[in-house]
Amino acid sequence: MPALWIANIKVTDEEAYGRYAKLAGPAIAKHGGTFLARGGRYVQLEGNDRPRNVVTRFDSVEAAVACYNSPEYQEALSHANGASERDIVVIETTE
């Protein structure tokens, strides 16, 4: 079943996070991820406001988790750590 990787982010260091973004996109694409939403307009209805929201589609939960744990993505993530507050969840879709 396809899966969605949903990230809600508050960037605290634009420069460092820019390095993350430059590396993360190719790492995600390499593992079959397709961006469905990436920092677009949003309305916060409940919970913590994180002004950057990203939704990425993968072929499966396992593919999304493998991407997250890959050396390429972990390298990118090293630039996001300390440069952002993030919540990430991977959820299987119903179709």
C-alpha atoms as a PDB file:
ATOM      1  CA  MET A   1       0.000   0.000   0.000  1.00  0.00           C
ATOM      2  CA  PRO A   2       1.248   3.538  -0.700  1.00  0.00           C
ATOM      3  CA  ALA A   3       2.307   5.649   2.254  1.00  0.00           C
ATOM      4  CA  LEU A   4       2.592   9.340   3.043  1.00  0.00           C
ATOM      5  CA  TRP A   5       5.537  10.889   4.883  1.00  0.00           C
ATOM      6  CA  ILE A   6       4.106  13.962   6.604  1.00  0.00           C
ATOM      7  CA  ALA A   7       6.477  16.512   8.110  1.00  0.00           C
ATOM      8  CA  ASN A   8       5.517  19.614  10.109  1.00  0.00           C
ATOM      9  CA  ILE A   9       8.511  21.913  10.568  1.00  0.00           C
ATOM     10  CA  LYS A  10       9.475  25.169  12.222  1.00  0.00           C
ATOM     11  CA  VAL A  11      12.814  26.340  10.831  1.00  0.00           C
ATOM     12  CA  THR A  12      15.055  28.052  13.407  1.00  0.00           C
ATOM     13  CA  ASP A  13      18.231  28.383  11.291  1.00  0.00           C
ATOM     14  CA  GLU A  14      17.499  29.160   7.633  1.00  0.00           C
ATOM     15  CA  GLU A  15      21.085  28.706   6.441  1.00  0.00           C
ATOM     16  CA  ALA A  16      21.579  25.258   7.972  1.00  0.00           C
ATOM     17  CA  TYR A  17      18.102  24.162   6.956  1.00  0.00           C
ATOM     18  CA  GLY A  18      18.843  25.237   3.405  1.00  0.00           C
ATOM     19  CA  ARG A  19      21.735  22.749   3.369  1.00  0.00           C
ATOM     20  CA  TYR A  20      19.311  20.066   4.588  1.00  0.00           C
ATOM     21  CA  ALA A  21      16.785  20.880   1.840  1.00  0.00           C
ATOM     22  CA  LYS A  22      19.448  20.820  -0.883  1.00  0.00           C
ATOM     23  CA  LEU A  23      20.425  17.251   0.097  1.00  0.00           C
ATOM     24  CA  ALA A  24      17.045  15.902   1.223  1.00  0.00           C
ATOM     25  CA  GLY A  25      15.218  16.343  -2.088  1.00  0.00           C
ATOM     26  CA  PRO A  26      17.613  14.154  -4.096  1.00  0.00           C
ATOM     27  CA  ALA A  27      17.786  11.567  -1.276  1.00  0.00           C
ATOM     28  CA  ILE A  28      13.998  11.318  -1.169  1.00  0.00           C
ATOM     29  CA  ALA A  29      13.726  11.102  -4.972  1.00  0.00           C
ATOM     30  CA  LYS A  30      16.405   8.381  -5.046  1.00  0.00           C
ATOM     31  CA  HIS A  31      14.178   6.276  -2.786  1.00  0.00           C
ATOM     32  CA  GLY A  32      11.036   6.776  -4.864  1.00  0.00           C
ATOM     33  CA  GLY A  33       9.498   9.652  -2.912  1.00  0.00           C
ATOM     34  CA  THR A  34       7.307  12.153  -4.737  1.00  0.00           C
ATOM     35  CA  PHE A  35       6.476  15.509  -3.153  1.00  0.00           C
ATOM     36  CA  LEU A  36       2.735  16.227  -3.025  1.00  0.00           C
ATOM     37  CA  ALA A  37       2.961  19.380  -0.900  1.00  0.00           C
ATOM     38  CA  ARG A  38       6.085  21.290   0.020  1.00  0.00           C
ATOM     39  CA  GLY A  39       5.836  24.490   2.042  1.00  0.00           C
ATOM     40  CA  GLY A  40       2.645  25.745   0.406  1.00  0.00           C
ATOM     41  CA  ARG A  41      -0.216  27.763   1.805  1.00  0.00           C
ATOM     42  CA  TYR A  42      -1.888  26.205   4.841  1.00  0.00           C
ATOM     43  CA  VAL A  43      -4.440  26.863   7.593  1.00  0.00           C
ATOM     44  CA  GLN A  44      -3.599  25.724  11.124  1.00  0.00           C
ATOM     45  CA  LEU A  45      -6.808  24.389  12.693  1.00  0.00           C
ATOM     46  CA  GLU A  46      -5.443  22.615  15.790  1.00  0.00           C
ATOM     47  CA  GLY A  47      -2.185  21.800  17.537  1.00  0.00           C
ATOM     48  CA  ASN A  48       1.247  23.350  17.286  1.00  0.00           C
ATOM     49  CA  ASP A  49       1.776  25.758  14.407  1.00  0.00           C
ATOM     50  CA  ARG A  50       4.720  24.669  12.290  1.00  0.00           C
ATOM     51  CA  PRO A  51       4.778  26.923   9.221  1.00  0.00           C
ATOM     52  CA  ARG A  52       6.507  24.476   6.864  1.00  0.00           C
ATOM     53  CA  ASN A  53       4.494  21.387   5.954  1.00  0.00           C
ATOM     54  CA  VAL A  54       5.660  18.691   3.564  1.00  0.00           C
ATOM     55  CA  VAL A  55       3.789  15.629   2.290  1.00  0.00           C
ATOM     56  CA  THR A  56       5.692  13.012   0.299  1.00  0.00           C
ATOM     57  CA  ARG A  57       4.282   9.852  -1.289  1.00  0.00           C
ATOM     58  CA  PHE A  58       6.171   6.556  -1.225  1.00  0.00           C
ATOM     59  CA  ASP A  59       5.243   3.102  -2.529  1.00  0.00           C
ATOM     60  CA  SER A  60       5.010   1.715   1.019  1.00  0.00           C
ATOM     61  CA  VAL A  61       5.645   2.448   4.686  1.00  0.00           C
ATOM     62  CA  GLU A  62       8.784   0.335   4.396  1.00  0.00           C
ATOM     63  CA  ALA A  63      10.090   2.410   1.468  1.00  0.00           C
ATOM     64  CA  ALA A  64       9.552   5.656   3.402  1.00  0.00           C
ATOM     65  CA  VAL A  65      11.296   4.304   6.506  1.00  0.00           C
ATOM     66  CA  ALA A  66      14.163   2.949   4.388  1.00  0.00           C
ATOM     67  CA  CYS A  67      14.571   6.404   2.851  1.00  0.00           C
ATOM     68  CA  TYR A  68      14.620   8.054   6.286  1.00  0.00           C
ATOM     69  CA  ASN A  69      17.273   5.600   7.496  1.00  0.00           C
ATOM     70  CA  SER A  70      19.386   5.791   4.323  1.00  0.00           C
ATOM     71  CA  PRO A  71      22.894   7.270   4.479  1.00  0.00           C
ATOM     72  CA  GLU A  72      21.879   9.977   1.980  1.00  0.00           C
ATOM     73  CA  TYR A  73      18.924  11.181   4.023  1.00  0.00           C
ATOM     74  CA  GLN A  74      20.793  10.899   7.331  1.00  0.00           C
ATOM     75  CA  GLU A  75      23.491  13.150   5.887  1.00  0.00           C
ATOM     76  CA  ALA A  76      20.822  15.707   4.966  1.00  0.00           C
ATOM     77  CA  LEU A  77      19.203  15.334   8.382  1.00  0.00           C
ATOM     78  CA  SER A  78      22.474  16.223  10.097  1.00  0.00           C
ATOM     79  CA  HIS A  79      21.914  19.793   8.824  1.00  0.00           C
ATOM     80  CA  ALA A  80      18.291  19.945  10.041  1.00  0.00           C
ATOM     81  CA  ASN A  81      19.112  18.811  13.571  1.00  0.00           C
ATOM     82  CA  GLY A  82      19.437  21.920  15.690  1.00  0.00           C
ATOM     83  CA  ALA A  83      18.137  24.057  12.818  1.00  0.00           C
ATOM     84  CA  SER A  84      14.476  23.107  13.126  1.00  0.00           C
ATOM     85  CA  GLU A  85      11.697  21.702  15.266  1.00  0.00           C
ATOM     86  CA  ARG A  86      10.098  18.794  13.386  1.00  0.00           C
ATOM     87  CA  ASP A  87       7.378  16.214  13.675  1.00  0.00           C
ATOM     88  CA  ILE A  88       7.420  13.450  11.072  1.00  0.00           C
ATOM     89  CA  VAL A  89       4.994  10.582  10.641  1.00  0.00           C
ATOM     90  CA  VAL A  90       4.649   7.923   7.946  1.00  0.00           C
ATOM     91  CA  ILE A  91       1.131   6.643   7.402  1.00  0.00           C
ATOM     92  CA  GLU A  92      -0.222   4.003   5.048  1.00  0.00           C
ATOM     93  CA  THR A  93      -2.929   5.249   2.695  1.00  0.00           C
ATOM     94  CA  THR A  94      -6.270   3.545   2.148  1.00  0.00           C
ATOM     95  CA  GLU A  95      -5.793   3.136  -1.619  1.00  0.00           C
END
